[in-house]
Amino acid sequence: MLLMAEMTLFMALIIPLPFTIRRKLFTFISENPLVAKAQHALKITFIFILILFIDSVNRVYRVQQELAIATENNSASGKAAVLGHERLEVQARKFYSQRNMYLCGFTLFLSLILNRTYIMILEVLRLEEKVKQYEGTDKNTKQAEKLAVAGEPGEIARLKRELARKDQDLENLKKQAAGLHREYDDLTEKYAKTQEDGTPKKEK
């Protein structure tokens, strides 16, 4: 059942889907806490399957040895008739042991393939998203560009207030400069008149 579930999941992973749907699906798988708990439980299950795989390999090796010993003993004693029943029993044990070994082995091997395929698909999605951002075809990038150009309403109002305040400061500076210029002209005229009248200059 686990092997069939892995095969179904692998077929679901390699089905060609649109980029948006695939990104939403893998984002859901990556961020959902229930999926994370299921992955943790599967890791524990695969540890038990690994133990079963090692045990089945050991059983196949022992059955092979028993079959070889029984064949040698019966061949040496010439009991070919007795060999049939024992051979069928050993062959049945060998079949079950090999079946368990293949099932556990393929289940473990497919789990590694699924894990690697999942990581590669996530990497491809990340790279595709970067490419879309660089090309400017991503919706988020377009929205960001619009905001960068137009700005939000609150931001525009704040910038307008700052611009008006700076304009007012500039007008005040112009008025102060004009007043200083007039005072300078007046002082220049007074100084010229004192020089023409021959009034001595006061020194401090």
N, C-alpha and C. Protein backbone atom coordinates (compact mmCIF):
# COMPACT_ATOMS: atom_id res chain seq x y z
N MET A 1 0.83 -1.21 0.00
CA MET A 1 0.00 0.00 0.00
C MET A 1 0.87 1.27 0.00
N LEU A 2 1.93 1.25 0.80
CA LEU A 2 2.82 2.41 0.83
C LEU A 2 3.54 2.59 -0.50
N LEU A 3 3.94 1.47 -1.11
CA LEU A 3 4.59 1.55 -2.42
C LEU A 3 3.65 2.11 -3.47
N MET A 4 2.40 1.67 -3.47
CA MET A 4 1.42 2.19 -4.42
C MET A 4 1.14 3.68 -4.17
N ALA A 5 1.10 4.07 -2.89
CA ALA A 5 0.88 5.49 -2.57
C ALA A 5 2.05 6.33 -3.06
N GLU A 6 3.26 5.81 -2.93
CA GLU A 6 4.44 6.53 -3.42
C GLU A 6 4.41 6.67 -4.94
N MET A 7 4.01 5.60 -5.62
CA MET A 7 3.92 5.67 -7.08
C MET A 7 2.88 6.70 -7.52
N THR A 8 1.73 6.74 -6.82
CA THR A 8 0.70 7.72 -7.15
C THR A 8 1.20 9.14 -6.90
N LEU A 9 1.89 9.34 -5.77
CA LEU A 9 2.41 10.67 -5.45
C LEU A 9 3.47 11.11 -6.46
N PHE A 10 4.29 10.15 -6.89
CA PHE A 10 5.31 10.49 -7.88
C PHE A 10 4.67 10.91 -9.21
N MET A 11 3.62 10.20 -9.62
CA MET A 11 2.92 10.58 -10.85
C MET A 11 2.27 11.95 -10.70
N ALA A 12 1.76 12.27 -9.49
CA ALA A 12 1.17 13.59 -9.27
C ALA A 12 2.22 14.69 -9.33
N LEU A 13 3.42 14.38 -8.89
CA LEU A 13 4.49 15.40 -8.90
C LEU A 13 4.95 15.74 -10.31
N ILE A 14 4.97 14.74 -11.18
CA ILE A 14 5.51 14.98 -12.53
C ILE A 14 4.45 15.39 -13.54
N ILE A 15 3.19 15.53 -13.08
CA ILE A 15 2.14 15.99 -14.00
C ILE A 15 2.41 17.46 -14.34
N PRO A 16 2.43 17.82 -15.62
CA PRO A 16 2.66 19.24 -15.98
C PRO A 16 1.47 20.10 -15.59
N LEU A 17 1.73 21.11 -14.75
CA LEU A 17 0.70 22.03 -14.30
C LEU A 17 1.14 23.46 -14.59
N PRO A 18 0.21 24.41 -14.67
CA PRO A 18 0.61 25.82 -14.80
C PRO A 18 1.45 26.28 -13.62
N PHE A 19 2.26 27.29 -13.86
CA PHE A 19 3.19 27.75 -12.84
C PHE A 19 2.47 28.23 -11.58
N THR A 20 1.38 28.96 -11.74
CA THR A 20 0.67 29.51 -10.58
C THR A 20 0.08 28.41 -9.72
N ILE A 21 -0.56 27.42 -10.37
CA ILE A 21 -1.17 26.32 -9.62
C ILE A 21 -0.08 25.50 -8.93
N ARG A 22 1.00 25.23 -9.64
CA ARG A 22 2.09 24.45 -9.05
C ARG A 22 2.72 25.18 -7.85
N ARG A 23 2.88 26.50 -7.98
CA ARG A 23 3.47 27.27 -6.88
C ARG A 23 2.55 27.27 -5.66
N LYS A 24 1.24 27.44 -5.88
CA LYS A 24 0.30 27.41 -4.76
C LYS A 24 0.28 26.04 -4.10
N LEU A 25 0.32 24.98 -4.90
CA LEU A 25 0.29 23.63 -4.37
C LEU A 25 1.51 23.34 -3.51
N PHE A 26 2.68 23.68 -4.02
CA PHE A 26 3.90 23.38 -3.26
C PHE A 26 4.08 24.33 -2.08
N THR A 27 3.54 25.54 -2.17
CA THR A 27 3.53 26.42 -1.01
C THR A 27 2.65 25.86 0.09
N PHE A 28 1.50 25.30 -0.30
CA PHE A 28 0.62 24.67 0.68
C PHE A 28 1.30 23.46 1.33
N ILE A 29 1.97 22.64 0.51
CA ILE A 29 2.65 21.46 1.05
C ILE A 29 3.78 21.86 1.98
N SER A 30 4.48 22.92 1.65
CA SER A 30 5.64 23.33 2.45
C SER A 30 5.25 23.99 3.76
N GLU A 31 4.12 24.70 3.78
CA GLU A 31 3.77 25.50 4.95
C GLU A 31 2.68 24.88 5.81
N ASN A 32 1.99 23.86 5.34
CA ASN A 32 0.90 23.28 6.12
C ASN A 32 1.45 22.44 7.28
N PRO A 33 1.04 22.70 8.52
CA PRO A 33 1.56 21.92 9.66
C PRO A 33 1.13 20.46 9.63
N LEU A 34 -0.06 20.16 9.07
CA LEU A 34 -0.50 18.77 8.99
C LEU A 34 0.39 17.96 8.06
N VAL A 35 0.81 18.57 6.96
CA VAL A 35 1.71 17.90 6.03
C VAL A 35 3.06 17.65 6.70
N ALA A 36 3.51 18.60 7.51
CA ALA A 36 4.78 18.43 8.22
C ALA A 36 4.70 17.26 9.21
N LYS A 37 3.56 17.15 9.91
CA LYS A 37 3.39 16.01 10.83
C LYS A 37 3.34 14.69 10.07
N ALA A 38 2.67 14.69 8.91
CA ALA A 38 2.61 13.47 8.10
C ALA A 38 4.01 13.08 7.61
N GLN A 39 4.82 14.06 7.22
CA GLN A 39 6.18 13.76 6.78
C GLN A 39 7.01 13.19 7.93
N HIS A 40 6.80 13.72 9.12
CA HIS A 40 7.53 13.19 10.29
C HIS A 40 7.13 11.74 10.56
N ALA A 41 5.82 11.45 10.47
CA ALA A 41 5.37 10.07 10.68
C ALA A 41 5.91 9.14 9.59
N LEU A 42 5.98 9.63 8.35
CA LEU A 42 6.51 8.81 7.26
C LEU A 42 7.99 8.50 7.47
N LYS A 43 8.74 9.46 8.01
CA LYS A 43 10.16 9.20 8.28
C LYS A 43 10.32 8.06 9.27
N ILE A 44 9.49 8.06 10.31
CA ILE A 44 9.54 6.96 11.29
C ILE A 44 9.15 5.65 10.62
N THR A 45 8.14 5.69 9.75
CA THR A 45 7.72 4.48 9.04
C THR A 45 8.82 3.94 8.16
N PHE A 46 9.54 4.82 7.48
CA PHE A 46 10.63 4.38 6.61
C PHE A 46 11.79 3.79 7.41
N ILE A 47 11.96 4.22 8.63
CA ILE A 47 12.99 3.60 9.48
C ILE A 47 12.63 2.14 9.75
N PHE A 48 11.34 1.90 10.05
CA PHE A 48 10.89 0.51 10.26
C PHE A 48 11.00 -0.31 8.98
N ILE A 49 10.71 0.32 7.85
CA ILE A 49 10.84 -0.39 6.56
C ILE A 49 12.30 -0.74 6.29
N LEU A 50 13.20 0.14 6.66
CA LEU A 50 14.62 -0.16 6.51
C LEU A 50 15.02 -1.36 7.36
N ILE A 51 14.48 -1.43 8.58
CA ILE A 51 14.76 -2.60 9.43
C ILE A 51 14.20 -3.87 8.80
N LEU A 52 12.99 -3.77 8.25
CA LEU A 52 12.39 -4.94 7.58
C LEU A 52 13.21 -5.34 6.35
N PHE A 53 13.75 -4.36 5.63
CA PHE A 53 14.56 -4.67 4.45
C PHE A 53 15.84 -5.43 4.86
N ILE A 54 16.48 -4.96 5.91
CA ILE A 54 17.69 -5.64 6.39
C ILE A 54 17.36 -7.06 6.84
N ASP A 55 16.22 -7.21 7.54
CA ASP A 55 15.81 -8.54 8.00
C ASP A 55 15.48 -9.46 6.81
N SER A 56 14.83 -8.93 5.78
CA SER A 56 14.48 -9.77 4.62
C SER A 56 15.74 -10.18 3.85
N VAL A 57 16.72 -9.29 3.76
CA VAL A 57 17.98 -9.67 3.10
C VAL A 57 18.66 -10.78 3.88
N ASN A 58 18.63 -10.66 5.21
CA ASN A 58 19.22 -11.71 6.06
C ASN A 58 18.49 -13.03 5.88
N ARG A 59 17.16 -12.99 5.78
CA ARG A 59 16.38 -14.22 5.60
C ARG A 59 16.68 -14.86 4.24
N VAL A 60 16.78 -14.04 3.19
CA VAL A 60 17.10 -14.59 1.87
C VAL A 60 18.46 -15.27 1.89
N TYR A 61 19.42 -14.67 2.56
CA TYR A 61 20.76 -15.26 2.65
C TYR A 61 20.71 -16.59 3.40
N ARG A 62 19.95 -16.63 4.50
CA ARG A 62 19.88 -17.89 5.26
C ARG A 62 19.15 -18.99 4.48
N VAL A 63 18.09 -18.62 3.77
CA VAL A 63 17.36 -19.61 2.98
C VAL A 63 18.24 -20.15 1.85
N GLN A 64 19.03 -19.28 1.25
CA GLN A 64 19.97 -19.74 0.21
C GLN A 64 20.97 -20.74 0.79
N GLN A 65 21.44 -20.45 1.97
CA GLN A 65 22.39 -21.37 2.61
C GLN A 65 21.71 -22.71 2.93
N GLU A 66 20.49 -22.65 3.48
CA GLU A 66 19.78 -23.89 3.80
C GLU A 66 19.51 -24.72 2.56
N LEU A 67 19.13 -24.03 1.47
CA LEU A 67 18.85 -24.76 0.22
C LEU A 67 20.11 -25.40 -0.33
N ALA A 68 21.22 -24.70 -0.24
CA ALA A 68 22.48 -25.26 -0.71
C ALA A 68 22.91 -26.45 0.14
N ILE A 69 22.77 -26.34 1.47
CA ILE A 69 23.16 -27.45 2.36
C ILE A 69 22.27 -28.66 2.14
N ALA A 70 20.93 -28.41 2.00
CA ALA A 70 20.01 -29.53 1.79
C ALA A 70 20.29 -30.21 0.46
N THR A 71 20.62 -29.46 -0.56
CA THR A 71 20.92 -30.05 -1.88
C THR A 71 22.18 -30.90 -1.81
N GLU A 72 23.19 -30.42 -1.11
CA GLU A 72 24.44 -31.18 -0.99
C GLU A 72 24.23 -32.47 -0.20
N ASN A 73 23.48 -32.36 0.92
CA ASN A 73 23.27 -33.55 1.75
C ASN A 73 22.46 -34.62 1.02
N ASN A 74 21.41 -34.18 0.33
CA ASN A 74 20.57 -35.15 -0.37
C ASN A 74 21.28 -35.74 -1.58
N SER A 75 22.14 -34.94 -2.21
CA SER A 75 22.89 -35.46 -3.35
C SER A 75 23.93 -36.48 -2.88
N ALA A 76 24.51 -36.23 -1.72
CA ALA A 76 25.52 -37.16 -1.20
C ALA A 76 24.89 -38.45 -0.72
N SER A 77 23.70 -38.37 -0.13
CA SER A 77 23.07 -39.59 0.39
C SER A 77 22.21 -40.29 -0.64
N GLY A 78 21.94 -39.64 -1.77
CA GLY A 78 21.15 -40.26 -2.83
C GLY A 78 19.67 -40.28 -2.55
N LYS A 79 19.19 -39.39 -1.68
CA LYS A 79 17.76 -39.35 -1.36
C LYS A 79 17.09 -38.28 -2.22
N ALA A 80 16.98 -38.53 -3.47
CA ALA A 80 16.37 -37.57 -4.39
C ALA A 80 14.87 -37.48 -4.18
N ALA A 81 14.24 -38.57 -3.73
CA ALA A 81 12.79 -38.58 -3.54
C ALA A 81 12.39 -37.72 -2.35
N VAL A 82 13.25 -37.73 -1.30
CA VAL A 82 12.95 -36.96 -0.10
C VAL A 82 13.19 -35.48 -0.35
N LEU A 83 14.01 -35.15 -1.33
CA LEU A 83 14.39 -33.78 -1.59
C LEU A 83 13.21 -32.92 -2.05
N GLY A 84 12.22 -33.55 -2.70
CA GLY A 84 11.13 -32.78 -3.29
C GLY A 84 10.35 -31.97 -2.27
N HIS A 85 9.90 -32.59 -1.17
CA HIS A 85 9.09 -31.91 -0.16
C HIS A 85 9.90 -30.81 0.53
N GLU A 86 11.12 -31.13 0.93
CA GLU A 86 11.96 -30.14 1.60
C GLU A 86 12.31 -28.99 0.66
N ARG A 87 12.53 -29.31 -0.58
CA ARG A 87 12.90 -28.28 -1.54
C ARG A 87 11.74 -27.31 -1.77
N LEU A 88 10.49 -27.85 -1.85
CA LEU A 88 9.33 -26.98 -2.01
C LEU A 88 9.17 -26.04 -0.82
N GLU A 89 9.40 -26.56 0.38
CA GLU A 89 9.27 -25.71 1.57
C GLU A 89 10.32 -24.61 1.58
N VAL A 90 11.54 -24.98 1.25
CA VAL A 90 12.62 -23.99 1.24
C VAL A 90 12.40 -22.97 0.11
N GLN A 91 11.91 -23.44 -1.03
CA GLN A 91 11.64 -22.53 -2.15
C GLN A 91 10.54 -21.53 -1.78
N ALA A 92 9.51 -22.01 -1.04
CA ALA A 92 8.44 -21.11 -0.62
C ALA A 92 8.97 -20.06 0.35
N ARG A 93 9.80 -20.47 1.30
CA ARG A 93 10.41 -19.50 2.22
C ARG A 93 11.30 -18.52 1.47
N LYS A 94 12.00 -19.01 0.48
CA LYS A 94 12.86 -18.14 -0.33
C LYS A 94 12.02 -17.12 -1.11
N PHE A 95 10.91 -17.58 -1.66
CA PHE A 95 10.04 -16.69 -2.42
C PHE A 95 9.49 -15.57 -1.54
N TYR A 96 8.99 -15.93 -0.33
CA TYR A 96 8.44 -14.91 0.57
C TYR A 96 9.52 -13.94 1.03
N SER A 97 10.69 -14.45 1.30
CA SER A 97 11.79 -13.58 1.74
C SER A 97 12.21 -12.63 0.63
N GLN A 98 12.32 -13.16 -0.60
CA GLN A 98 12.68 -12.28 -1.71
C GLN A 98 11.59 -11.26 -2.00
N ARG A 99 10.33 -11.68 -1.89
CA ARG A 99 9.24 -10.73 -2.10
C ARG A 99 9.31 -9.58 -1.10
N ASN A 100 9.51 -9.91 0.18
CA ASN A 100 9.63 -8.86 1.19
C ASN A 100 10.84 -7.96 0.93
N MET A 101 11.93 -8.57 0.51
CA MET A 101 13.14 -7.79 0.24
C MET A 101 12.90 -6.81 -0.91
N TYR A 102 12.26 -7.28 -1.99
CA TYR A 102 12.01 -6.40 -3.14
C TYR A 102 11.02 -5.29 -2.80
N LEU A 103 9.96 -5.64 -2.07
CA LEU A 103 8.97 -4.62 -1.71
C LEU A 103 9.59 -3.54 -0.82
N CYS A 104 10.32 -3.97 0.21
CA CYS A 104 10.94 -2.99 1.11
C CYS A 104 12.00 -2.17 0.37
N GLY A 105 12.77 -2.86 -0.47
CA GLY A 105 13.82 -2.15 -1.19
C GLY A 105 13.27 -1.12 -2.16
N PHE A 106 12.26 -1.49 -2.94
CA PHE A 106 11.67 -0.54 -3.87
C PHE A 106 10.96 0.61 -3.15
N THR A 107 10.35 0.30 -2.00
CA THR A 107 9.69 1.36 -1.23
C THR A 107 10.71 2.37 -0.73
N LEU A 108 11.83 1.90 -0.21
CA LEU A 108 12.88 2.82 0.26
C LEU A 108 13.48 3.60 -0.90
N PHE A 109 13.74 2.90 -2.01
CA PHE A 109 14.35 3.57 -3.16
C PHE A 109 13.42 4.65 -3.73
N LEU A 110 12.12 4.35 -3.80
CA LEU A 110 11.18 5.33 -4.32
C LEU A 110 11.01 6.50 -3.36
N SER A 111 11.15 6.25 -2.07
CA SER A 111 11.08 7.37 -1.11
C SER A 111 12.23 8.34 -1.33
N LEU A 112 13.42 7.81 -1.61
CA LEU A 112 14.56 8.69 -1.92
C LEU A 112 14.31 9.48 -3.21
N ILE A 113 13.75 8.81 -4.22
CA ILE A 113 13.45 9.51 -5.48
C ILE A 113 12.41 10.60 -5.27
N LEU A 114 11.38 10.30 -4.46
CA LEU A 114 10.35 11.30 -4.19
C LEU A 114 10.93 12.51 -3.47
N ASN A 115 11.76 12.26 -2.48
CA ASN A 115 12.35 13.36 -1.73
C ASN A 115 13.20 14.25 -2.65
N ARG A 116 14.02 13.61 -3.48
CA ARG A 116 14.88 14.38 -4.38
C ARG A 116 14.05 15.13 -5.44
N THR A 117 13.00 14.48 -5.96
CA THR A 117 12.13 15.13 -6.94
C THR A 117 11.43 16.34 -6.34
N TYR A 118 10.96 16.19 -5.12
CA TYR A 118 10.29 17.30 -4.43
C TYR A 118 11.23 18.49 -4.25
N ILE A 119 12.47 18.23 -3.82
CA ILE A 119 13.45 19.30 -3.63
C ILE A 119 13.78 19.97 -4.97
N MET A 120 13.94 19.17 -6.02
CA MET A 120 14.26 19.74 -7.33
C MET A 120 13.11 20.59 -7.87
N ILE A 121 11.88 20.17 -7.66
CA ILE A 121 10.74 20.96 -8.13
C ILE A 121 10.66 22.28 -7.38
N LEU A 122 10.92 22.26 -6.06
CA LEU A 122 10.94 23.50 -5.29
C LEU A 122 12.02 24.45 -5.81
N GLU A 123 13.19 23.89 -6.13
CA GLU A 123 14.28 24.72 -6.65
C GLU A 123 13.91 25.31 -8.02
N VAL A 124 13.27 24.50 -8.87
CA VAL A 124 12.86 25.00 -10.19
C VAL A 124 11.81 26.10 -10.04
N LEU A 125 10.87 25.93 -9.12
CA LEU A 125 9.87 26.97 -8.90
C LEU A 125 10.50 28.27 -8.40
N ARG A 126 11.47 28.15 -7.52
CA ARG A 126 12.15 29.35 -7.02
C ARG A 126 12.89 30.07 -8.14
N LEU A 127 13.56 29.29 -8.99
CA LEU A 127 14.29 29.91 -10.10
C LEU A 127 13.33 30.52 -11.13
N GLU A 128 12.22 29.85 -11.40
CA GLU A 128 11.24 30.41 -12.34
C GLU A 128 10.65 31.71 -11.80
N GLU A 129 10.41 31.76 -10.50
CA GLU A 129 9.88 32.98 -9.90
C GLU A 129 10.89 34.13 -10.00
N LYS A 130 12.17 33.82 -9.80
CA LYS A 130 13.20 34.85 -9.95
C LYS A 130 13.26 35.35 -11.39
N VAL A 131 13.19 34.42 -12.34
CA VAL A 131 13.22 34.82 -13.76
C VAL A 131 12.03 35.72 -14.09
N LYS A 132 10.84 35.37 -13.60
CA LYS A 132 9.67 36.20 -13.86
C LYS A 132 9.81 37.58 -13.24
N GLN A 133 10.44 37.64 -12.05
CA GLN A 133 10.65 38.95 -11.43
C GLN A 133 11.65 39.79 -12.22
N TYR A 134 12.70 39.15 -12.72
CA TYR A 134 13.68 39.87 -13.52
C TYR A 134 13.08 40.35 -14.84
N GLU A 135 12.23 39.53 -15.44
CA GLU A 135 11.61 39.91 -16.70
C GLU A 135 10.45 40.87 -16.53
N GLY A 136 9.95 40.99 -15.30
CA GLY A 136 8.83 41.89 -15.05
C GLY A 136 7.50 41.32 -15.43
N THR A 137 7.39 40.01 -15.54
CA THR A 137 6.13 39.37 -15.93
C THR A 137 5.36 38.83 -14.74
N ASP A 138 5.94 38.91 -13.56
CA ASP A 138 5.25 38.40 -12.39
C ASP A 138 4.23 39.44 -11.89
N LYS A 139 3.09 38.99 -11.38
CA LYS A 139 2.06 39.90 -10.91
C LYS A 139 2.54 40.72 -9.73
N ASN A 140 3.27 40.10 -8.82
CA ASN A 140 3.78 40.82 -7.66
C ASN A 140 4.76 41.92 -8.08
N THR A 141 5.60 41.60 -9.08
CA THR A 141 6.55 42.59 -9.57
C THR A 141 5.83 43.76 -10.23
N LYS A 142 4.80 43.46 -11.03
CA LYS A 142 4.05 44.54 -11.67
C LYS A 142 3.35 45.41 -10.64
N GLN A 143 2.80 44.78 -9.61
CA GLN A 143 2.13 45.55 -8.57
C GLN A 143 3.12 46.43 -7.83
N ALA A 144 4.31 45.89 -7.57
CA ALA A 144 5.35 46.68 -6.89
C ALA A 144 5.79 47.85 -7.75
N GLU A 145 5.90 47.61 -9.08
CA GLU A 145 6.29 48.70 -9.96
C GLU A 145 5.22 49.79 -9.99
N LYS A 146 3.96 49.40 -9.99
CA LYS A 146 2.89 50.39 -9.98
C LYS A 146 2.92 51.22 -8.71
N LEU A 147 3.13 50.56 -7.58
CA LEU A 147 3.21 51.27 -6.32
C LEU A 147 4.42 52.19 -6.28
N ALA A 148 5.52 51.71 -6.89
CA ALA A 148 6.72 52.55 -6.89
C ALA A 148 6.52 53.79 -7.73
N VAL A 149 5.73 53.66 -8.81
CA VAL A 149 5.51 54.81 -9.67
C VAL A 149 4.45 55.73 -9.08
N ALA A 150 3.33 55.16 -8.72
CA ALA A 150 2.21 55.97 -8.27
C ALA A 150 2.25 56.24 -6.77
N GLY A 151 2.66 55.28 -6.00
CA GLY A 151 2.67 55.44 -4.56
C GLY A 151 1.29 55.20 -3.97
N GLU A 152 1.23 55.00 -2.67
CA GLU A 152 -0.03 54.82 -1.98
C GLU A 152 -0.64 56.18 -1.65
N PRO A 153 -1.95 56.28 -1.41
CA PRO A 153 -2.59 57.58 -1.14
C PRO A 153 -1.98 58.29 0.07
N GLY A 154 -1.74 57.61 1.15
CA GLY A 154 -1.14 58.23 2.33
C GLY A 154 0.26 58.75 2.06
N GLU A 155 1.02 57.99 1.29
CA GLU A 155 2.38 58.41 0.96
C GLU A 155 2.37 59.66 0.08
N ILE A 156 1.45 59.71 -0.87
CA ILE A 156 1.35 60.88 -1.75
C ILE A 156 0.98 62.13 -0.95
N ALA A 157 0.03 61.99 -0.02
CA ALA A 157 -0.38 63.14 0.78
C ALA A 157 0.78 63.65 1.64
N ARG A 158 1.54 62.72 2.21
CA ARG A 158 2.67 63.13 3.04
C ARG A 158 3.72 63.86 2.20
N LEU A 159 3.99 63.33 1.00
CA LEU A 159 4.97 63.99 0.13
C LEU A 159 4.49 65.37 -0.31
N LYS A 160 3.19 65.52 -0.55
CA LYS A 160 2.67 66.83 -0.92
C LYS A 160 2.82 67.83 0.22
N ARG A 161 2.55 67.38 1.44
CA ARG A 161 2.71 68.27 2.59
C ARG A 161 4.17 68.70 2.76
N GLU A 162 5.08 67.75 2.59
CA GLU A 162 6.50 68.09 2.70
C GLU A 162 6.92 69.07 1.61
N LEU A 163 6.41 68.86 0.37
CA LEU A 163 6.75 69.76 -0.72
C LEU A 163 6.21 71.18 -0.46
N ALA A 164 4.97 71.27 0.05
CA ALA A 164 4.39 72.59 0.36
C ALA A 164 5.19 73.29 1.46
N ARG A 165 5.60 72.53 2.47
CA ARG A 165 6.39 73.13 3.54
C ARG A 165 7.73 73.63 3.04
N LYS A 166 8.36 72.87 2.17
CA LYS A 166 9.65 73.31 1.62
C LYS A 166 9.48 74.53 0.71
N ASP A 167 8.36 74.58 -0.04
CA ASP A 167 8.09 75.77 -0.85
C ASP A 167 7.91 77.01 0.03
N GLN A 168 7.21 76.83 1.16
CA GLN A 168 7.02 77.95 2.08
C GLN A 168 8.36 78.40 2.68
N ASP A 169 9.20 77.44 3.03
CA ASP A 169 10.53 77.79 3.54
C ASP A 169 11.34 78.55 2.49
N LEU A 170 11.21 78.11 1.25
CA LEU A 170 11.94 78.79 0.18
C LEU A 170 11.44 80.22 -0.01
N GLU A 171 10.12 80.44 0.07
CA GLU A 171 9.57 81.79 -0.05
C GLU A 171 10.06 82.68 1.09
N ASN A 172 10.12 82.11 2.30
CA ASN A 172 10.61 82.89 3.44
C ASN A 172 12.07 83.28 3.25
N LEU A 173 12.85 82.34 2.75
CA LEU A 173 14.26 82.64 2.50
C LEU A 173 14.41 83.73 1.44
N LYS A 174 13.57 83.69 0.42
CA LYS A 174 13.62 84.74 -0.63
C LYS A 174 13.27 86.10 -0.04
N LYS A 175 12.25 86.17 0.84
CA LYS A 175 11.87 87.44 1.45
C LYS A 175 12.99 87.97 2.34
N GLN A 176 13.60 87.04 3.12
CA GLN A 176 14.71 87.47 3.97
C GLN A 176 15.89 87.98 3.13
N ALA A 177 16.15 87.29 2.02
CA ALA A 177 17.26 87.73 1.15
C ALA A 177 16.95 89.09 0.54
N ALA A 178 15.70 89.32 0.14
CA ALA A 178 15.32 90.62 -0.43
C ALA A 178 15.46 91.73 0.62
N GLY A 179 15.02 91.46 1.86
CA GLY A 179 15.17 92.46 2.92
C GLY A 179 16.62 92.78 3.21
N LEU A 180 17.45 91.73 3.29
CA LEU A 180 18.87 91.96 3.53
C LEU A 180 19.50 92.76 2.39
N HIS A 181 19.05 92.48 1.17
CA HIS A 181 19.58 93.21 0.02
C HIS A 181 19.20 94.70 0.09
N ARG A 182 17.95 95.00 0.49
CA ARG A 182 17.53 96.39 0.62
C ARG A 182 18.32 97.11 1.73
N GLU A 183 18.49 96.41 2.84
CA GLU A 183 19.27 97.02 3.93
C GLU A 183 20.71 97.28 3.49
N TYR A 184 21.26 96.36 2.73
CA TYR A 184 22.62 96.55 2.25
C TYR A 184 22.71 97.76 1.32
N ASP A 185 21.72 97.93 0.46
CA ASP A 185 21.69 99.08 -0.43
C ASP A 185 21.59 100.39 0.36
N ASP A 186 20.72 100.38 1.39
CA ASP A 186 20.58 101.59 2.21
C ASP A 186 21.88 101.94 2.91
N LEU A 187 22.52 100.94 3.49
CA LEU A 187 23.78 101.19 4.17
C LEU A 187 24.85 101.69 3.20
N THR A 188 24.84 101.14 1.99
CA THR A 188 25.81 101.58 0.98
C THR A 188 25.60 103.05 0.61
N GLU A 189 24.30 103.44 0.45
CA GLU A 189 24.00 104.83 0.12
C GLU A 189 24.41 105.77 1.26
N LYS A 190 24.11 105.38 2.51
CA LYS A 190 24.48 106.22 3.65
C LYS A 190 25.99 106.38 3.74
N TYR A 191 26.67 105.32 3.50
CA TYR A 191 28.14 105.39 3.55
C TYR A 191 28.69 106.30 2.46
N ALA A 192 28.12 106.22 1.29
CA ALA A 192 28.58 107.09 0.19
C ALA A 192 28.33 108.56 0.52
N LYS A 193 27.16 108.87 1.16
CA LYS A 193 26.87 110.26 1.52
C LYS A 193 27.85 110.78 2.56
N THR A 194 28.23 109.96 3.51
CA THR A 194 29.19 110.40 4.54
C THR A 194 30.54 110.67 3.93
N GLN A 195 30.89 109.92 2.91
CA GLN A 195 32.16 110.15 2.25
C GLN A 195 32.13 111.44 1.44
N GLU A 196 30.99 111.76 0.82
CA GLU A 196 30.89 112.98 0.03
C GLU A 196 30.89 114.21 0.91
N ASP A 197 30.27 114.17 2.10
CA ASP A 197 30.20 115.31 3.01
C ASP A 197 31.50 115.54 3.74
N GLY A 198 32.42 114.66 3.68
CA GLY A 198 33.68 114.76 4.38
C GLY A 198 33.61 114.49 5.85
N THR A 199 32.57 113.84 6.28
CA THR A 199 32.39 113.49 7.69
C THR A 199 33.42 112.43 8.05
N PRO A 200 34.18 112.68 9.11
CA PRO A 200 35.16 111.66 9.46
C PRO A 200 34.48 110.33 9.87
N LYS A 201 35.17 109.27 9.54
CA LYS A 201 34.64 107.95 9.88
C LYS A 201 34.90 107.62 11.34
N LYS A 202 33.94 107.07 11.98
CA LYS A 202 34.09 106.66 13.35
C LYS A 202 34.74 105.29 13.41
N GLU A 203 35.73 105.21 14.24
CA GLU A 203 36.41 103.93 14.39
C GLU A 203 36.11 103.37 15.75
N LYS A 204 35.88 102.15 15.84
CA LYS A 204 35.63 101.48 17.08
C LYS A 204 36.84 100.67 17.48
